[in-house]
PDB file of N, CA and C in Angstrom:
ATOM      1  N   UNK A   1       8.005   2.146  -6.367  1.00  0.00           N
ATOM      2  CA  UNK A   1       8.626   2.081  -5.107  1.00  0.00           C
ATOM      3  C   UNK A   1       8.502   0.730  -4.576  1.00  0.00           C
ATOM      4  N   UNK A   2       9.601   0.202  -4.140  1.00  0.00           N
ATOM      5  CA  UNK A   2       9.693  -1.113  -3.548  1.00  0.00           C
ATOM      6  C   UNK A   2       9.166  -1.100  -2.044  1.00  0.00           C
ATOM      7  N   UNK A   3       8.713  -2.247  -1.585  1.00  0.00           N
ATOM      8  CA  UNK A   3       8.235  -2.321  -0.246  1.00  0.00           C
ATOM      9  C   UNK A   3       9.358  -2.027   0.827  1.00  0.00           C
ATOM     10  N   UNK A   4      10.510  -2.503   0.443  1.00  0.00           N
ATOM     11  CA  UNK A   4      11.605  -2.341   1.522  1.00  0.00           C
ATOM     12  C   UNK A   4      11.939  -0.724   1.616  1.00  0.00           C
ATOM     13  N   UNK A   5      11.686  -0.021   0.618  1.00  0.00           N
ATOM     14  CA  UNK A   5      11.887   1.406   0.551  1.00  0.00           C
ATOM     15  C   UNK A   5      10.895   2.118   1.506  1.00  0.00           C
ATOM     16  N   UNK A   6       9.813   1.607   1.675  1.00  0.00           N
ATOM     17  CA  UNK A   6       8.681   2.167   2.501  1.00  0.00           C
ATOM     18  C   UNK A   6       9.245   2.355   3.958  1.00  0.00           C
ATOM     19  N   UNK A   7      10.111   1.366   4.348  1.00  0.00           N
ATOM     20  CA  UNK A   7      10.564   1.312   5.754  1.00  0.00           C
ATOM     21  C   UNK A   7      11.424   2.597   5.882  1.00  0.00           C
ATOM     22  N   UNK A   8      12.024   3.132   4.867  1.00  0.00           N
ATOM     23  CA  UNK A   8      13.015   4.191   4.958  1.00  0.00           C
ATOM     24  C   UNK A   8      12.173   5.509   5.332  1.00  0.00           C
ATOM     25  N   UNK A   9      10.878   5.603   4.881  1.00  0.00           N
ATOM     26  CA  UNK A   9      10.035   6.727   4.885  1.00  0.00           C
ATOM     27  C   UNK A   9       9.270   6.818   6.154  1.00  0.00           C
ATOM     28  N   UNK A  10       9.026   5.699   6.836  1.00  0.00           N
ATOM     29  CA  UNK A  10       8.085   5.673   7.917  1.00  0.00           C
ATOM     30  C   UNK A  10       6.539   6.021   7.485  1.00  0.00           C
ATOM     31  N   UNK A  11       5.935   6.768   8.327  1.00  0.00           N
ATOM     32  CA  UNK A  11       4.584   7.071   8.159  1.00  0.00           C
ATOM     33  C   UNK A  11       4.336   8.237   7.160  1.00  0.00           C
ATOM     34  N   UNK A  12       5.456   8.864   6.512  1.00  0.00           N
ATOM     35  CA  UNK A  12       5.320   9.920   5.544  1.00  0.00           C
ATOM     36  C   UNK A  12       4.454   9.608   4.425  1.00  0.00           C
ATOM     37  N   UNK A  13       4.675   8.453   3.725  1.00  0.00           N
ATOM     38  CA  UNK A  13       3.976   8.074   2.696  1.00  0.00           C
ATOM     39  C   UNK A  13       2.577   7.867   2.844  1.00  0.00           C
ATOM     40  N   UNK A  14       2.198   7.077   3.920  1.00  0.00           N
ATOM     41  CA  UNK A  14       0.831   6.704   4.320  1.00  0.00           C
ATOM     42  C   UNK A  14       0.153   8.071   4.516  1.00  0.00           C
ATOM     43  N   UNK A  15       0.722   8.991   5.238  1.00  0.00           N
ATOM     44  CA  UNK A  15       0.010  10.334   5.453  1.00  0.00           C
ATOM     45  C   UNK A  15      -0.183  10.989   4.131  1.00  0.00           C
ATOM     46  N   UNK A  16       0.800  10.983   3.238  1.00  0.00           N
ATOM     47  CA  UNK A  16       0.664  11.677   1.905  1.00  0.00           C
ATOM     48  C   UNK A  16      -0.621  11.044   1.196  1.00  0.00           C
ATOM     49  N   UNK A  17      -0.696   9.756   1.104  1.00  0.00           N
ATOM     50  CA  UNK A  17      -1.900   9.094   0.453  1.00  0.00           C
ATOM     51  C   UNK A  17      -3.281   9.546   1.166  1.00  0.00           C
ATOM     52  N   UNK A  18      -3.139   9.503   2.483  1.00  0.00           N
ATOM     53  CA  UNK A  18      -4.403   9.863   3.190  1.00  0.00           C
ATOM     54  C   UNK A  18      -4.830  11.418   2.886  1.00  0.00           C
ATOM     55  N   UNK A  19      -3.812  12.289   2.860  1.00  0.00           N
ATOM     56  CA  UNK A  19      -4.120  13.657   2.533  1.00  0.00           C
ATOM     57  C   UNK A  19      -4.701  13.920   1.138  1.00  0.00           C
ATOM     58  N   UNK A  20      -4.255  12.950   0.160  1.00  0.00           N
ATOM     59  CA  UNK A  20      -4.908  13.069  -1.096  1.00  0.00           C
ATOM     60  C   UNK A  20      -6.357  12.725  -1.182  1.00  0.00           C
ATOM     61  N   UNK A  21      -6.822  12.043  -0.215  1.00  0.00           N
ATOM     62  CA  UNK A  21      -8.306  11.586  -0.161  1.00  0.00           C
ATOM     63  C   UNK A  21      -9.057  12.515   0.723  1.00  0.00           C
ATOM     64  N   UNK A  22      -8.483  13.644   1.340  1.00  0.00           N
ATOM     65  CA  UNK A  22      -9.257  14.585   2.068  1.00  0.00           C
ATOM     66  C   UNK A  22     -10.139  15.520   1.147  1.00  0.00           C
ATOM     67  N   UNK A  23     -11.267  15.922   1.577  1.00  0.00           N
ATOM     68  CA  UNK A  23     -12.180  16.667   0.697  1.00  0.00           C
ATOM     69  C   UNK A  23     -11.473  17.874   0.127  1.00  0.00           C
ATOM     70  N   UNK A  24     -10.639  18.660   0.778  1.00  0.00           N
ATOM     71  CA  UNK A  24     -10.021  19.903   0.197  1.00  0.00           C
ATOM     72  C   UNK A  24      -9.074  19.422  -0.977  1.00  0.00           C
ATOM     73  N   UNK A  25      -8.369  18.291  -0.817  1.00  0.00           N
ATOM     74  CA  UNK A  25      -7.511  17.873  -1.849  1.00  0.00           C
ATOM     75  C   UNK A  25      -8.240  17.321  -2.913  1.00  0.00           C
ATOM     76  N   UNK A  26      -9.423  16.614  -2.685  1.00  0.00           N
ATOM     77  CA  UNK A  26     -10.238  16.131  -3.818  1.00  0.00           C
ATOM     78  C   UNK A  26     -10.857  17.250  -4.607  1.00  0.00           C
ATOM     79  N   UNK A  27     -11.272  18.333  -3.927  1.00  0.00           N
ATOM     80  CA  UNK A  27     -11.839  19.547  -4.483  1.00  0.00           C
ATOM     81  C   UNK A  27     -10.902  20.190  -5.518  1.00  0.00           C
ATOM     82  N   UNK A  28      -9.588  20.296  -4.994  1.00  0.00           N
ATOM     83  CA  UNK A  28      -8.605  20.952  -5.791  1.00  0.00           C
ATOM     84  C   UNK A  28      -8.305  20.047  -7.053  1.00  0.00           C
ATOM     85  N   UNK A  29      -8.291  18.839  -6.863  1.00  0.00           N
ATOM     86  CA  UNK A  29      -7.957  17.894  -7.910  1.00  0.00           C
ATOM     87  C   UNK A  29      -9.057  17.940  -8.964  1.00  0.00           C
ATOM     88  N   UNK A  30     -10.307  18.006  -8.582  1.00  0.00           N
ATOM     89  CA  UNK A  30     -11.481  17.992  -9.412  1.00  0.00           C
ATOM     90  C   UNK A  30     -11.407  19.423 -10.241  1.00  0.00           C
ATOM     91  N   UNK A  31     -11.049  20.393  -9.576  1.00  0.00           N
ATOM     92  CA  UNK A  31     -10.960  21.780 -10.329  1.00  0.00           C
ATOM     93  C   UNK A  31      -9.816  21.590 -11.393  1.00  0.00           C
ATOM     94  N   UNK A  32      -8.764  21.112 -11.073  1.00  0.00           N
ATOM     95  CA  UNK A  32      -7.634  20.977 -12.122  1.00  0.00           C
ATOM     96  C   UNK A  32      -8.058  20.051 -13.264  1.00  0.00           C
ATOM     97  N   UNK A  33      -8.805  18.958 -12.910  1.00  0.00           N
ATOM     98  CA  UNK A  33      -9.230  18.099 -14.065  1.00  0.00           C
ATOM     99  C   UNK A  33     -10.351  18.710 -14.891  1.00  0.00           C
ATOM    100  N   UNK A  34     -11.113  19.594 -14.300  1.00  0.00           N
ATOM    101  CA  UNK A  34     -12.093  20.351 -15.098  1.00  0.00           C
ATOM    102  C   UNK A  34     -11.430  21.387 -15.862  1.00  0.00           C
ATOM    103  N   UNK A  35     -10.349  21.935 -15.471  1.00  0.00           N
ATOM    104  CA  UNK A  35      -9.647  22.948 -16.264  1.00  0.00           C
ATOM    105  C   UNK A  35      -9.105  22.261 -17.571  1.00  0.00           C
ATOM    106  N   UNK A  36      -8.621  20.958 -17.427  1.00  0.00           N
ATOM    107  CA  UNK A  36      -8.073  20.277 -18.556  1.00  0.00           C
ATOM    108  C   UNK A  36      -8.968  19.584 -19.425  1.00  0.00           C
ATOM    109  N   UNK A  37     -10.055  18.995 -18.787  1.00  0.00           N
ATOM    110  CA  UNK A  37     -10.951  18.195 -19.504  1.00  0.00           C
ATOM    111  C   UNK A  37     -12.240  18.792 -19.855  1.00  0.00           C
ATOM    112  N   UNK A  38     -12.484  19.848 -19.179  1.00  0.00           N
ATOM    113  CA  UNK A  38     -13.910  20.614 -19.450  1.00  0.00           C
ATOM    114  C   UNK A  38     -14.767  20.343 -18.282  1.00  0.00           C
ATOM    115  N   UNK A  39     -15.918  21.146 -18.220  1.00  0.00           N
ATOM    116  CA  UNK A  39     -16.799  21.089 -17.181  1.00  0.00           C
ATOM    117  C   UNK A  39     -17.632  19.663 -17.127  1.00  0.00           C
ATOM    118  N   UNK A  40     -17.642  18.922 -18.165  1.00  0.00           N
ATOM    119  CA  UNK A  40     -18.367  17.710 -18.068  1.00  0.00           C
ATOM    120  C   UNK A  40     -17.714  16.755 -17.164  1.00  0.00           C
ATOM    121  N   UNK A  41     -16.430  16.910 -16.887  1.00  0.00           N
ATOM    122  CA  UNK A  41     -15.673  16.023 -15.861  1.00  0.00           C
ATOM    123  C   UNK A  41     -16.219  16.326 -14.493  1.00  0.00           C
ATOM    124  N   UNK A  42     -16.764  15.294 -13.858  1.00  0.00           N
ATOM    125  CA  UNK A  42     -17.392  15.526 -12.575  1.00  0.00           C
ATOM    126  C   UNK A  42     -16.837  14.587 -11.520  1.00  0.00           C
ATOM    127  N   UNK A  43     -17.563  14.641 -10.360  1.00  0.00           N
ATOM    128  CA  UNK A  43     -17.175  13.942  -9.197  1.00  0.00           C
ATOM    129  C   UNK A  43     -17.128  12.425  -9.485  1.00  0.00           C
ATOM    130  N   UNK A  44     -18.034  11.870 -10.153  1.00  0.00           N
ATOM    131  CA  UNK A  44     -18.087  10.505 -10.515  1.00  0.00           C
ATOM    132  C   UNK A  44     -16.815  10.089 -11.196  1.00  0.00           C
ATOM    133  N   UNK A  45     -16.395  10.869 -12.154  1.00  0.00           N
ATOM    134  CA  UNK A  45     -15.193  10.515 -12.970  1.00  0.00           C
ATOM    135  C   UNK A  45     -14.005  10.691 -11.953  1.00  0.00           C
ATOM    136  N   UNK A  46     -13.947  11.608 -11.218  1.00  0.00           N
ATOM    137  CA  UNK A  46     -12.771  11.801 -10.252  1.00  0.00           C
ATOM    138  C   UNK A  46     -12.806  10.583  -9.372  1.00  0.00           C
ATOM    139  N   UNK A  47     -13.871  10.106  -8.809  1.00  0.00           N
ATOM    140  CA  UNK A  47     -13.974   8.892  -7.896  1.00  0.00           C
ATOM    141  C   UNK A  47     -13.423   7.657  -8.698  1.00  0.00           C
ATOM    142  N   UNK A  48     -13.836   7.590  -9.999  1.00  0.00           N
ATOM    143  CA  UNK A  48     -13.314   6.477 -10.833  1.00  0.00           C
ATOM    144  C   UNK A  48     -11.836   6.456 -10.956  1.00  0.00           C
ATOM    145  N   UNK A  49     -11.222   7.620 -11.033  1.00  0.00           N
ATOM    146  CA  UNK A  49      -9.812   7.773 -11.141  1.00  0.00           C
ATOM    147  C   UNK A  49      -9.149   7.410  -9.823  1.00  0.00           C
ATOM    148  N   UNK A  50      -9.766   7.894  -8.657  1.00  0.00           N
ATOM    149  CA  UNK A  50      -9.175   7.515  -7.390  1.00  0.00           C
ATOM    150  C   UNK A  50      -9.368   6.040  -7.106  1.00  0.00           C
ATOM    151  N   UNK A  51     -10.414   5.363  -7.615  1.00  0.00           N
ATOM    152  CA  UNK A  51     -10.641   3.891  -7.471  1.00  0.00           C
ATOM    153  C   UNK A  51      -9.382   3.157  -8.297  1.00  0.00           C
ATOM    154  N   UNK A  52      -9.192   3.668  -9.498  1.00  0.00           N
ATOM    155  CA  UNK A  52      -8.132   3.049 -10.296  1.00  0.00           C
ATOM    156  C   UNK A  52      -6.660   3.214  -9.539  1.00  0.00           C
ATOM    157  N   UNK A  53      -6.441   4.414  -8.982  1.00  0.00           N
ATOM    158  CA  UNK A  53      -5.263   4.617  -8.312  1.00  0.00           C
ATOM    159  C   UNK A  53      -5.044   3.625  -7.159  1.00  0.00           C
ATOM    160  N   UNK A  54      -6.090   3.406  -6.417  1.00  0.00           N
ATOM    161  CA  UNK A  54      -6.091   2.512  -5.210  1.00  0.00           C
ATOM    162  C   UNK A  54      -5.798   1.133  -5.764  1.00  0.00           C
ATOM    163  N   UNK A  55      -6.421   0.716  -6.827  1.00  0.00           N
ATOM    164  CA  UNK A  55      -6.234  -0.634  -7.418  1.00  0.00           C
ATOM    165  C   UNK A  55      -4.827  -0.692  -7.834  1.00  0.00           C
ATOM    166  N   UNK A  56      -4.141   0.185  -8.415  1.00  0.00           N
ATOM    167  CA  UNK A  56      -2.843   0.198  -8.799  1.00  0.00           C
ATOM    168  C   UNK A  56      -1.905   0.076  -7.559  1.00  0.00           C
ATOM    169  N   UNK A  57      -2.103   0.807  -6.526  1.00  0.00           N
ATOM    170  CA  UNK A  57      -1.422   0.675  -5.368  1.00  0.00           C
ATOM    171  C   UNK A  57      -1.444  -0.726  -4.789  1.00  0.00           C
ATOM    172  N   UNK A  58      -2.685  -1.486  -4.842  1.00  0.00           N
ATOM    173  CA  UNK A  58      -2.818  -2.772  -4.242  1.00  0.00           C
ATOM    174  C   UNK A  58      -2.035  -3.730  -5.185  1.00  0.00           C
ATOM    175  N   UNK A  59      -2.141  -3.574  -6.456  1.00  0.00           N
ATOM    176  CA  UNK A  59      -1.332  -4.408  -7.379  1.00  0.00           C
ATOM    177  C   UNK A  59       0.237  -4.252  -7.210  1.00  0.00           C
ATOM    178  N   UNK A  60       0.644  -3.060  -6.956  1.00  0.00           N
ATOM    179  CA  UNK A  60       2.089  -2.808  -6.687  1.00  0.00           C
ATOM    180  C   UNK A  60       2.419  -3.498  -5.301  1.00  0.00           C
ATOM    181  N   UNK A  61       1.634  -3.471  -4.360  1.00  0.00           N
ATOM    182  CA  UNK A  61       1.873  -4.154  -3.097  1.00  0.00           C
ATOM    183  C   UNK A  61       1.926  -5.566  -3.229  1.00  0.00           C
ATOM    184  N   UNK A  62       0.917  -6.197  -3.922  1.00  0.00           N
ATOM    185  CA  UNK A  62       0.934  -7.487  -4.133  1.00  0.00           C
ATOM    186  C   UNK A  62       2.285  -8.046  -4.973  1.00  0.00           C
ATOM    187  N   UNK A  63       2.630  -7.238  -5.905  1.00  0.00           N
ATOM    188  CA  UNK A  63       3.872  -7.580  -6.763  1.00  0.00           C
ATOM    189  C   UNK A  63       5.113  -7.426  -5.913  1.00  0.00           C
ATOM    190  N   UNK A  64       5.071  -6.600  -4.817  1.00  0.00           N
ATOM    191  CA  UNK A  64       6.304  -6.393  -4.114  1.00  0.00           C
ATOM    192  C   UNK A  64       6.260  -7.289  -2.725  1.00  0.00           C
ATOM    193  N   UNK A  65       5.292  -8.189  -2.636  1.00  0.00           N
ATOM    194  CA  UNK A  65       5.216  -8.953  -1.390  1.00  0.00           C
ATOM    195  C   UNK A  65       6.448  -9.782  -1.244  1.00  0.00           C
ATOM    196  N   UNK A  66       7.062 -10.531  -2.299  1.00  0.00           N
ATOM    197  CA  UNK A  66       8.279 -11.307  -1.994  1.00  0.00           C
ATOM    198  C   UNK A  66       9.415 -10.432  -1.489  1.00  0.00           C
ATOM    199  N   UNK A  67       9.619  -9.335  -2.100  1.00  0.00           N
ATOM    200  CA  UNK A  67      10.698  -8.425  -1.580  1.00  0.00           C
ATOM    201  C   UNK A  67      10.442  -8.015  -0.187  1.00  0.00           C
ATOM    202  N   UNK A  68       9.240  -7.632   0.202  1.00  0.00           N
ATOM    203  CA  UNK A  68       8.837  -7.157   1.426  1.00  0.00           C
ATOM    204  C   UNK A  68       9.181  -8.378   2.475  1.00  0.00           C
ATOM    205  N   UNK A  69       8.761  -9.615   2.150  1.00  0.00           N
ATOM    206  CA  UNK A  69       9.075 -10.620   3.069  1.00  0.00           C
ATOM    207  C   UNK A  69      10.517 -10.951   3.309  1.00  0.00           C
ATOM    208  N   UNK A  70      11.319 -10.749   2.150  1.00  0.00           N
ATOM    209  CA  UNK A  70      12.779 -10.860   2.342  1.00  0.00           C
ATOM    210  C   UNK A  70      13.310  -9.742   3.290  1.00  0.00           C
ATOM    211  N   UNK A  71      12.830  -8.650   3.077  1.00  0.00           N
ATOM    212  CA  UNK A  71      13.139  -7.475   3.911  1.00  0.00           C
ATOM    213  C   UNK A  71      12.980  -7.740   5.375  1.00  0.00           C
ATOM    214  N   UNK A  72      11.630  -8.278   5.618  1.00  0.00           N
ATOM    215  CA  UNK A  72      11.271  -8.575   6.991  1.00  0.00           C
ATOM    216  C   UNK A  72      12.170  -9.794   7.558  1.00  0.00           C
ATOM    217  N   UNK A  73      12.367 -10.717   6.740  1.00  0.00           N
ATOM    218  CA  UNK A  73      13.285 -11.794   7.250  1.00  0.00           C
ATOM    219  C   UNK A  73      14.647 -11.218   7.552  1.00  0.00           C
ATOM    220  N   UNK A  74      15.250 -10.399   6.735  1.00  0.00           N
ATOM    221  CA  UNK A  74      16.487  -9.807   7.088  1.00  0.00           C
ATOM    222  C   UNK A  74      16.499  -8.928   8.387  1.00  0.00           C
ATOM    223  N   UNK A  75      15.382  -8.285   8.574  1.00  0.00           N
ATOM    224  CA  UNK A  75      15.225  -7.431   9.865  1.00  0.00           C
ATOM    225  C   UNK A  75      15.279  -8.476  11.047  1.00  0.00           C
ATOM    226  N   UNK A  76      14.464  -9.457  10.821  1.00  0.00           N
ATOM    227  CA  UNK A  76      14.302 -10.510  12.022  1.00  0.00           C
ATOM    228  C   UNK A  76      15.643 -11.114  12.324  1.00  0.00           C
ATOM    229  N   UNK A  77      16.396 -11.389  11.199  1.00  0.00           N
ATOM    230  CA  UNK A  77      17.658 -12.102  11.368  1.00  0.00           C
ATOM    231  C   UNK A  77      18.592 -11.160  12.119  1.00  0.00           C
ATOM    232  N   UNK A  78      18.575  -9.908  11.876  1.00  0.00           N
ATOM    233  CA  UNK A  78      19.606  -8.996  12.447  1.00  0.00           C
ATOM    234  C   UNK A  78      19.055  -8.417  13.767  1.00  0.00           C
ATOM    235  N   UNK A  79      17.943  -8.790  14.214  1.00  0.00           N
ATOM    236  CA  UNK A  79      17.404  -8.222  15.466  1.00  0.00           C
ATOM    237  C   UNK A  79      17.610  -9.184  16.650  1.00  0.00           C
ATOM    238  N   UNK A  80      17.984  -8.787  17.835  1.00  0.00           N
ATOM    239  CA  UNK A  80      18.075  -9.581  18.998  1.00  0.00           C
ATOM    240  C   UNK A  80      16.855  -9.921  19.432  1.00  0.00           C
ATOM    241  N   UNK A  81      15.745  -9.403  19.215  1.00  0.00           N
ATOM    242  CA  UNK A  81      14.472  -9.683  19.668  1.00  0.00           C
ATOM    243  C   UNK A  81      13.993 -10.955  19.215  1.00  0.00           C
ATOM    244  N   UNK A  82      14.464 -11.559  18.027  1.00  0.00           N
ATOM    245  CA  UNK A  82      14.037 -12.754  17.462  1.00  0.00           C
ATOM    246  C   UNK A  82      15.216 -13.684  17.497  1.00  0.00           C
ATOM    247  N   UNK A  83      15.104 -14.669  18.422  1.00  0.00           N
ATOM    248  CA  UNK A  83      16.181 -15.585  18.625  1.00  0.00           C
ATOM    249  C   UNK A  83      16.476 -16.646  17.450  1.00  0.00           C
ATOM    250  N   UNK A  84      15.464 -16.898  16.465  1.00  0.00           N
ATOM    251  CA  UNK A  84      15.651 -17.837  15.552  1.00  0.00           C
ATOM    252  C   UNK A  84      14.995 -17.368  14.271  1.00  0.00           C
ATOM    253  N   UNK A  85      15.780 -17.380  13.186  1.00  0.00           N
ATOM    254  CA  UNK A  85      15.270 -17.067  11.852  1.00  0.00           C
ATOM    255  C   UNK A  85      14.298 -18.152  11.456  1.00  0.00           C
ATOM    256  N   UNK A  86      14.482 -19.377  11.796  1.00  0.00           N
ATOM    257  CA  UNK A  86      13.589 -20.445  11.458  1.00  0.00           C
ATOM    258  C   UNK A  86      12.213 -20.193  12.056  1.00  0.00           C
ATOM    259  N   UNK A  87      12.231 -19.789  13.339  1.00  0.00           N
ATOM    260  CA  UNK A  87      10.875 -19.452  14.024  1.00  0.00           C
ATOM    261  C   UNK A  87      10.248 -18.357  13.327  1.00  0.00           C
ATOM    262  N   UNK A  88      10.972 -17.340  12.947  1.00  0.00           N
ATOM    263  CA  UNK A  88      10.247 -16.262  12.233  1.00  0.00           C
ATOM    264  C   UNK A  88       9.679 -16.598  10.838  1.00  0.00           C
ATOM    265  N   UNK A  89      10.509 -17.460  10.113  1.00  0.00           N
ATOM    266  CA  UNK A  89       9.891 -17.981   8.937  1.00  0.00           C
ATOM    267  C   UNK A  89       8.714 -18.695   9.146  1.00  0.00           C
ATOM    268  N   UNK A  90       8.635 -19.606  10.164  1.00  0.00           N
ATOM    269  CA  UNK A  90       7.372 -20.333  10.519  1.00  0.00           C
ATOM    270  C   UNK A  90       6.222 -19.320  10.942  1.00  0.00           C
ATOM    271  N   UNK A  91       6.516 -18.319  11.539  1.00  0.00           N
ATOM    272  CA  UNK A  91       5.412 -17.371  11.915  1.00  0.00           C
ATOM    273  C   UNK A  91       4.949 -16.566  10.669  1.00  0.00           C
ATOM    274  N   UNK A  92       5.762 -16.255   9.781  1.00  0.00           N
ATOM    275  CA  UNK A  92       5.472 -15.649   8.543  1.00  0.00           C
ATOM    276  C   UNK A  92       4.529 -16.607   7.578  1.00  0.00           C
ATOM    277  N   UNK A  93       4.940 -17.844   7.647  1.00  0.00           N
ATOM    278  CA  UNK A  93       4.222 -18.863   6.892  1.00  0.00           C
ATOM    279  C   UNK A  93       2.757 -19.079   7.561  1.00  0.00           C
ATOM    280  N   UNK A  94       2.708 -18.963   8.931  1.00  0.00           N
ATOM    281  CA  UNK A  94       1.468 -19.134   9.599  1.00  0.00           C
ATOM    282  C   UNK A  94       0.534 -18.065   9.220  1.00  0.00           C
ATOM    283  N   UNK A  95       1.144 -16.763   9.271  1.00  0.00           N
ATOM    284  CA  UNK A  95       0.276 -15.638   8.885  1.00  0.00           C
ATOM    285  C   UNK A  95      -0.197 -15.751   7.487  1.00  0.00           C
ATOM    286  N   UNK A  96       0.552 -16.072   6.529  1.00  0.00           N
ATOM    287  CA  UNK A  96       0.200 -16.190   5.186  1.00  0.00           C
ATOM    288  C   UNK A  96      -0.920 -17.356   4.987  1.00  0.00           C
ATOM    289  N   UNK A  97      -0.822 -18.334   5.772  1.00  0.00           N
ATOM    290  CA  UNK A  97      -1.764 -19.450   5.644  1.00  0.00           C
ATOM    291  C   UNK A  97      -3.026 -18.930   6.183  1.00  0.00           C
ATOM    292  N   UNK A  98      -3.109 -18.200   7.371  1.00  0.00           N
ATOM    293  CA  UNK A  98      -4.316 -17.654   7.959  1.00  0.00           C
ATOM    294  C   UNK A  98      -4.928 -16.622   6.957  1.00  0.00           C
ATOM    295  N   UNK A  99      -4.227 -15.847   6.145  1.00  0.00           N
ATOM    296  CA  UNK A  99      -4.779 -14.992   5.241  1.00  0.00           C
ATOM    297  C   UNK A  99      -5.364 -15.856   4.099  1.00  0.00           C
ATOM    298  N   UNK A 100      -4.657 -16.751   3.626  1.00  0.00           N
ATOM    299  CA  UNK A 100      -5.263 -17.615   2.460  1.00  0.00           C
ATOM    300  C   UNK A 100      -6.586 -18.197   2.972  1.00  0.00           C
ATOM    301  N   UNK A 101      -6.565 -18.826   4.215  1.00  0.00           N
ATOM    302  CA  UNK A 101      -7.658 -19.504   4.670  1.00  0.00           C
ATOM    303  C   UNK A 101      -8.895 -18.564   4.839  1.00  0.00           C
ATOM    304  N   UNK A 102      -8.477 -17.259   5.278  1.00  0.00           N
ATOM    305  CA  UNK A 102      -9.614 -16.204   5.449  1.00  0.00           C
ATOM    306  C   UNK A 102     -10.166 -15.894   4.295  1.00  0.00           C
ATOM    307  N   UNK A 103      -9.442 -15.832   3.138  1.00  0.00           N
ATOM    308  CA  UNK A 103      -9.972 -15.372   1.727  1.00  0.00           C
ATOM    309  C   UNK A 103     -10.895 -16.460   1.316  1.00  0.00           C
ATOM    310  N   UNK A 104     -10.654 -17.736   1.682  1.00  0.00           N
ATOM    311  CA  UNK A 104     -11.521 -18.858   1.207  1.00  0.00           C
ATOM    312  C   UNK A 104     -12.849 -18.976   1.761  1.00  0.00           C
ATOM    313  N   UNK A 105     -13.059 -18.323   3.007  1.00  0.00           N
ATOM    314  CA  UNK A 105     -14.233 -18.381   3.695  1.00  0.00           C
ATOM    315  C   UNK A 105     -15.367 -17.465   3.017  1.00  0.00           C
TER     316      UNK A 105
END
């Protein structure tokens, strides 16, 4: 799923991901894995799978940053709230610079 598509769904996708991390959902998932892989599959293995899923989502988000930025620039350009596309590009660049500087600390 591309970042620009997330805008179409609103909070539905975020809520879906959060539900998957609730104890009831994790318990059901653990039971399904045990049925397929056997009783030796435990909570540790389930949490490892969840960890990998989160890392995949992060990698997808990083991969989609350019499209997301273009989507946001398009929204800014079409919005009356933002008087100047150049000003918005400067704000995006400032935020990105802050993020990069924050990671270096």
